[in-house]
Amino acid sequence: MSHLDVTFVLLLGLFFDLFITGWNFEKFHWLISGFN
């Protein structure tokens, strides 16, 4: 598995979690702010 494959799987899992849990914008904004 290459680095790109791992990144893609992680992103796919993240978006899947967003849809399943009905993640709202505030939590997503908080997550993005945590990386900055």
Protein backbone atom coordinates (compact mmCIF):
# COMPACT_ATOMS: atom_id res chain seq x y z
CA MET A 1 0.00 0.00 0.00
CA SER A 2 1.43 3.36 -1.00
CA HIS A 3 1.23 6.58 1.01
CA LEU A 4 -1.45 7.90 -1.36
CA ASP A 5 -3.60 4.81 -0.85
CA VAL A 6 -3.42 5.21 2.92
CA THR A 7 -4.37 8.91 2.69
CA PHE A 8 -7.30 8.11 0.41
CA VAL A 9 -8.60 5.43 2.77
CA LEU A 10 -8.31 7.77 5.77
CA LEU A 11 -10.18 10.54 3.94
CA LEU A 12 -12.83 8.10 2.77
CA GLY A 13 -13.29 6.88 6.34
CA LEU A 14 -13.53 10.46 7.60
CA PHE A 15 -16.25 11.44 5.12
CA PHE A 16 -18.08 8.15 5.79
CA ASP A 17 -18.09 9.02 9.51
CA LEU A 18 -19.38 12.50 8.70
CA PHE A 19 -22.37 11.09 6.83
CA ILE A 20 -23.10 8.35 9.37
CA THR A 21 -23.00 10.57 12.45
CA GLY A 22 -24.66 13.55 10.77
CA TRP A 23 -21.67 15.70 11.70
CA ASN A 24 -22.56 19.37 11.84
CA PHE A 25 -20.50 22.29 10.50
CA GLU A 26 -19.30 23.45 13.92
CA LYS A 27 -17.61 20.14 14.69
CA PHE A 28 -16.06 20.07 11.22
CA HIS A 29 -14.84 23.67 11.63
CA TRP A 30 -13.38 22.75 15.04
CA LEU A 31 -11.56 19.81 13.46
CA ILE A 32 -10.09 22.01 10.71
CA SER A 33 -9.06 24.65 13.25
CA GLY A 34 -7.27 21.96 15.24
CA PHE A 35 -4.94 21.31 12.29
CA ASN A 36 -4.04 24.98 11.82
